[in-house]
Amino acid sequence: RVWHISQGDDEQRIDAAIQKTRTFFESLGLPTRLAAYQLDADDIDGLLKQLDAHRLTALGEHSNVTLDVSRQILEASL
């Protein structure tokens, strides 16, 4: 709703929202890929340990973003 995306099926709208969000943050000079922060696949376990240490293991609006889902997101952000 934030980006007023109404065309396409759910997957297409999700992809469009991710792209618009990425473009927005990058327009502010905020990189959206882990490599821009000198992080790579070897750093993911450490990031997940920090999420766990801070009890950030059920993220998202419905608390359904588990550490496994967080791993998938981080891996996709390389």
Protein backbone atom coordinates (compact mmCIF):
# COMPACT_ATOMS: atom_id res chain seq x y z
CA ARG A 1 0.00 0.00 0.00
CA VAL A 2 2.89 2.36 0.72
CA TRP A 3 4.00 2.33 -2.92
CA HIS A 4 0.44 2.14 -4.36
CA ILE A 5 1.24 -1.07 -6.23
CA SER A 6 -1.93 -2.69 -7.52
CA GLN A 7 -0.86 -4.43 -10.73
CA GLY A 8 0.07 -8.12 -10.90
CA ASP A 9 -0.32 -11.13 -8.66
CA ASP A 10 0.95 -11.31 -5.07
CA GLU A 11 4.49 -12.31 -6.07
CA GLN A 12 4.76 -9.52 -8.65
CA ARG A 13 3.50 -6.93 -6.16
CA ILE A 14 5.94 -8.21 -3.51
CA ASP A 15 8.85 -8.02 -5.96
CA ALA A 16 7.83 -4.51 -7.04
CA ALA A 17 7.56 -3.36 -3.41
CA ILE A 18 11.02 -4.76 -2.60
CA GLN A 19 12.52 -3.01 -5.63
CA LYS A 20 10.86 0.32 -4.82
CA THR A 21 12.01 0.06 -1.19
CA ARG A 22 15.57 -0.77 -2.29
CA THR A 23 15.57 2.14 -4.74
CA PHE A 24 14.29 4.50 -2.04
CA PHE A 25 16.98 3.58 0.50
CA GLU A 26 19.73 3.66 -2.11
CA SER A 27 18.56 7.13 -3.23
CA LEU A 28 19.32 8.23 0.35
CA GLY A 29 22.81 6.79 0.09
CA LEU A 30 22.00 3.72 2.18
CA PRO A 31 23.21 0.52 0.52
CA THR A 32 20.87 -2.46 0.59
CA ARG A 33 23.36 -5.27 0.00
CA LEU A 34 25.57 -6.83 2.68
CA ALA A 35 28.65 -6.55 0.45
CA ALA A 36 28.38 -2.76 0.69
CA TYR A 37 29.07 -3.18 4.41
CA GLN A 38 32.01 -5.54 3.78
CA LEU A 39 29.93 -8.53 4.92
CA ASP A 40 29.79 -11.87 3.13
CA ALA A 41 28.44 -15.39 3.63
CA ASP A 42 31.03 -16.03 6.36
CA ASP A 43 29.42 -13.31 8.48
CA ILE A 44 25.86 -14.66 8.42
CA ASP A 45 26.30 -17.07 11.34
CA GLY A 46 27.62 -14.21 13.50
CA LEU A 47 24.70 -11.99 12.53
CA LEU A 48 22.24 -14.74 13.44
CA LYS A 49 23.97 -15.30 16.77
CA GLN A 50 23.53 -11.61 17.52
CA LEU A 51 19.83 -11.78 16.64
CA ASP A 52 19.50 -14.75 18.98
CA ALA A 53 21.49 -13.05 21.76
CA HIS A 54 19.17 -10.06 21.59
CA ARG A 55 16.09 -12.31 21.47
CA LEU A 56 15.22 -11.14 17.96
CA THR A 57 14.10 -14.59 16.88
CA ALA A 58 10.47 -13.89 15.98
CA LEU A 59 10.51 -10.79 13.79
CA GLY A 60 7.92 -9.28 11.49
CA GLU A 61 4.39 -8.05 11.81
CA HIS A 62 3.17 -11.54 12.69
CA SER A 63 6.34 -12.65 14.51
CA ASN A 64 6.86 -15.34 11.88
CA VAL A 65 10.35 -14.34 10.72
CA THR A 66 12.40 -17.00 12.47
CA LEU A 67 16.17 -17.32 12.48
CA ASP A 68 15.86 -19.70 9.53
CA VAL A 69 13.91 -17.09 7.59
CA SER A 70 16.41 -14.44 8.65
CA ARG A 71 19.19 -16.66 7.25
CA GLN A 72 17.38 -16.88 3.91
CA ILE A 73 16.96 -13.10 3.83
CA LEU A 74 20.59 -12.47 4.69
CA GLU A 75 21.79 -14.97 2.09
CA ALA A 76 19.61 -13.27 -0.55
CA SER A 77 21.14 -9.91 0.47
CA LEU A 78 24.72 -10.88 -0.35
